[in-house]
């Protein structure tokens, strides 16, 4: 796969812990992380992610924040976008972080 098929994202060495944690500090983005945890590629359609209660532009914003933080990667295929978790890169950069986040109990609703 060529580089021009991926939207811009930080190199593995440039992924910053504070930026990653800030990106994951939002409940919607944590929901996205849980969706992406199966290591498959996911469509950007809100209904496919269980976020059909949110406007498409809101979901796109959350996806962009995750990508720019280095949490996800987005593959472009024509007019379609497919998002997946950068598990290998995050595990190399911050061993155990993803496992801790994915195993944590859900925060209580406010």
C-alpha atoms as a PDB file:
ATOM      1  CA  UNK A   1       0.000   0.000   0.000  1.00  0.00           C
ATOM      2  CA  UNK A   2       1.444   3.384  -0.931  1.00  0.00           C
ATOM      3  CA  UNK A   3       1.756   6.304   1.496  1.00  0.00           C
ATOM      4  CA  UNK A   4      -0.618   8.456  -0.558  1.00  0.00           C
ATOM      5  CA  UNK A   5      -3.456   6.108   0.440  1.00  0.00           C
ATOM      6  CA  UNK A   6      -3.183   7.147   4.112  1.00  0.00           C
ATOM      7  CA  UNK A   7      -4.297  10.416   5.622  1.00  0.00           C
ATOM      8  CA  UNK A   8      -1.531  12.337   7.464  1.00  0.00           C
ATOM      9  CA  UNK A   9      -0.565  10.895  10.826  1.00  0.00           C
ATOM     10  CA  UNK A  10       2.466  11.186  13.106  1.00  0.00           C
ATOM     11  CA  UNK A  11       5.379   8.807  12.726  1.00  0.00           C
ATOM     12  CA  UNK A  12       5.618   6.213  15.481  1.00  0.00           C
ATOM     13  CA  UNK A  13       8.520   8.030  17.157  1.00  0.00           C
ATOM     14  CA  UNK A  14       6.500  11.264  17.176  1.00  0.00           C
ATOM     15  CA  UNK A  15       3.468   9.870  19.015  1.00  0.00           C
ATOM     16  CA  UNK A  16       3.255  11.784  22.299  1.00  0.00           C
ATOM     17  CA  UNK A  17       1.739  10.265  25.446  1.00  0.00           C
ATOM     18  CA  UNK A  18       0.055  13.486  26.586  1.00  0.00           C
ATOM     19  CA  UNK A  19      -1.531  13.932  23.157  1.00  0.00           C
ATOM     20  CA  UNK A  20      -2.761  10.325  23.106  1.00  0.00           C
ATOM     21  CA  UNK A  21      -4.245  10.603  26.590  1.00  0.00           C
ATOM     22  CA  UNK A  22      -5.852  13.930  25.752  1.00  0.00           C
ATOM     23  CA  UNK A  23      -7.411  12.398  22.629  1.00  0.00           C
ATOM     24  CA  UNK A  24      -8.750   9.475  24.634  1.00  0.00           C
ATOM     25  CA  UNK A  25     -10.113  11.713  27.387  1.00  0.00           C
ATOM     26  CA  UNK A  26     -13.389  12.138  25.529  1.00  0.00           C
ATOM     27  CA  UNK A  27     -16.118   9.487  25.998  1.00  0.00           C
ATOM     28  CA  UNK A  28     -16.950   9.388  22.267  1.00  0.00           C
ATOM     29  CA  UNK A  29     -13.316   8.798  21.358  1.00  0.00           C
ATOM     30  CA  UNK A  30     -13.078   6.060  23.993  1.00  0.00           C
ATOM     31  CA  UNK A  31     -16.149   4.473  22.376  1.00  0.00           C
ATOM     32  CA  UNK A  32     -14.331   4.634  19.036  1.00  0.00           C
ATOM     33  CA  UNK A  33     -11.220   3.076  20.596  1.00  0.00           C
ATOM     34  CA  UNK A  34     -13.322   0.184  21.882  1.00  0.00           C
ATOM     35  CA  UNK A  35     -14.821  -0.249  18.398  1.00  0.00           C
ATOM     36  CA  UNK A  36     -11.372  -0.285  16.806  1.00  0.00           C
ATOM     37  CA  UNK A  37      -9.953  -2.738  19.363  1.00  0.00           C
ATOM     38  CA  UNK A  38     -10.798  -5.711  17.137  1.00  0.00           C
ATOM     39  CA  UNK A  39      -7.900  -4.620  14.872  1.00  0.00           C
ATOM     40  CA  UNK A  40     -10.142  -4.627  11.793  1.00  0.00           C
ATOM     41  CA  UNK A  41     -10.703  -1.723   9.421  1.00  0.00           C
ATOM     42  CA  UNK A  42     -13.895   0.201  10.073  1.00  0.00           C
ATOM     43  CA  UNK A  43     -16.054   2.359   7.865  1.00  0.00           C
ATOM     44  CA  UNK A  44     -16.471   5.969   8.952  1.00  0.00           C
ATOM     45  CA  UNK A  45     -20.272   5.731   8.902  1.00  0.00           C
ATOM     46  CA  UNK A  46     -21.626   6.733  12.341  1.00  0.00           C
ATOM     47  CA  UNK A  47     -24.293   4.006  12.278  1.00  0.00           C
ATOM     48  CA  UNK A  48     -21.613   1.328  11.705  1.00  0.00           C
ATOM     49  CA  UNK A  49     -19.823   2.547  14.832  1.00  0.00           C
ATOM     50  CA  UNK A  50     -22.907   2.734  17.033  1.00  0.00           C
ATOM     51  CA  UNK A  51     -22.766   6.537  16.968  1.00  0.00           C
ATOM     52  CA  UNK A  52     -25.806   7.245  14.818  1.00  0.00           C
ATOM     53  CA  UNK A  53     -27.054   9.654  17.510  1.00  0.00           C
ATOM     54  CA  UNK A  54     -24.198  12.010  16.534  1.00  0.00           C
ATOM     55  CA  UNK A  55     -23.921  14.177  13.426  1.00  0.00           C
ATOM     56  CA  UNK A  56     -21.510  12.866  10.797  1.00  0.00           C
ATOM     57  CA  UNK A  57     -19.289  15.953  11.103  1.00  0.00           C
ATOM     58  CA  UNK A  58     -18.986  15.383  14.866  1.00  0.00           C
ATOM     59  CA  UNK A  59     -17.895  11.787  14.346  1.00  0.00           C
ATOM     60  CA  UNK A  60     -15.418  12.944  11.672  1.00  0.00           C
ATOM     61  CA  UNK A  61     -13.962  15.450  14.134  1.00  0.00           C
ATOM     62  CA  UNK A  62     -13.421  12.735  16.750  1.00  0.00           C
ATOM     63  CA  UNK A  63     -11.815  10.468  14.161  1.00  0.00           C
ATOM     64  CA  UNK A  64      -9.471  13.271  13.085  1.00  0.00           C
ATOM     65  CA  UNK A  65      -8.388  13.898  16.684  1.00  0.00           C
ATOM     66  CA  UNK A  66      -7.569  10.199  17.128  1.00  0.00           C
ATOM     67  CA  UNK A  67      -5.647  10.070  13.840  1.00  0.00           C
ATOM     68  CA  UNK A  68      -3.665  13.240  14.519  1.00  0.00           C
ATOM     69  CA  UNK A  69      -2.769  11.925  17.989  1.00  0.00           C
ATOM     70  CA  UNK A  70      -1.407   8.729  16.410  1.00  0.00           C
ATOM     71  CA  UNK A  71      -4.060   6.403  17.837  1.00  0.00           C
ATOM     72  CA  UNK A  72      -5.581   5.415  14.494  1.00  0.00           C
ATOM     73  CA  UNK A  73      -4.693   5.315  10.837  1.00  0.00           C
ATOM     74  CA  UNK A  74      -7.072   6.111   7.990  1.00  0.00           C
ATOM     75  CA  UNK A  75      -6.845   4.418   4.611  1.00  0.00           C
ATOM     76  CA  UNK A  76      -8.371   6.173   1.628  1.00  0.00           C
ATOM     77  CA  UNK A  77     -10.045   4.043  -1.052  1.00  0.00           C
ATOM     78  CA  UNK A  78     -11.720   6.295  -3.602  1.00  0.00           C
ATOM     79  CA  UNK A  79     -14.432   8.202  -1.740  1.00  0.00           C
ATOM     80  CA  UNK A  80     -14.334   5.797   1.190  1.00  0.00           C
ATOM     81  CA  UNK A  81     -12.260   6.014   4.364  1.00  0.00           C
ATOM     82  CA  UNK A  82     -11.360   3.054   6.541  1.00  0.00           C
ATOM     83  CA  UNK A  83     -10.023   3.506  10.061  1.00  0.00           C
ATOM     84  CA  UNK A  84      -7.989   1.062  12.130  1.00  0.00           C
ATOM     85  CA  UNK A  85      -6.138   1.146  15.422  1.00  0.00           C
ATOM     86  CA  UNK A  86      -2.358   1.647  15.347  1.00  0.00           C
ATOM     87  CA  UNK A  87      -1.915  -1.069  17.969  1.00  0.00           C
ATOM     88  CA  UNK A  88       1.614  -2.082  16.962  1.00  0.00           C
ATOM     89  CA  UNK A  89       2.839   1.518  16.949  1.00  0.00           C
ATOM     90  CA  UNK A  90       1.188   2.359  20.273  1.00  0.00           C
ATOM     91  CA  UNK A  91       2.442  -0.849  21.910  1.00  0.00           C
ATOM     92  CA  UNK A  92       5.970  -0.100  20.697  1.00  0.00           C
ATOM     93  CA  UNK A  93       5.798   3.463  21.974  1.00  0.00           C
ATOM     94  CA  UNK A  94       3.881   2.886  25.238  1.00  0.00           C
ATOM     95  CA  UNK A  95       3.898  -0.826  26.201  1.00  0.00           C
ATOM     96  CA  UNK A  96       0.765  -1.878  28.065  1.00  0.00           C
ATOM     97  CA  UNK A  97      -1.126   1.402  27.584  1.00  0.00           C
ATOM     98  CA  UNK A  98      -3.738   0.071  25.170  1.00  0.00           C
ATOM     99  CA  UNK A  99      -4.290  -3.074  27.202  1.00  0.00           C
ATOM    100  CA  UNK A 100      -4.834  -0.968  30.343  1.00  0.00           C
ATOM    101  CA  UNK A 101      -7.262   1.352  28.547  1.00  0.00           C
ATOM    102  CA  UNK A 102      -9.199  -1.459  26.919  1.00  0.00           C
ATOM    103  CA  UNK A 103      -9.432  -3.488  30.152  1.00  0.00           C
ATOM    104  CA  UNK A 104     -10.508  -0.542  32.324  1.00  0.00           C
ATOM    105  CA  UNK A 105     -14.087  -0.547  33.535  1.00  0.00           C
ATOM    106  CA  UNK A 106     -16.374   1.990  31.889  1.00  0.00           C
ATOM    107  CA  UNK A 107     -16.666   5.321  33.645  1.00  0.00           C
ATOM    108  CA  UNK A 108     -19.995   5.905  35.386  1.00  0.00           C
ATOM    109  CA  UNK A 109     -22.431   8.182  33.612  1.00  0.00           C
ATOM    110  CA  UNK A 110     -22.745  11.705  34.963  1.00  0.00           C
END
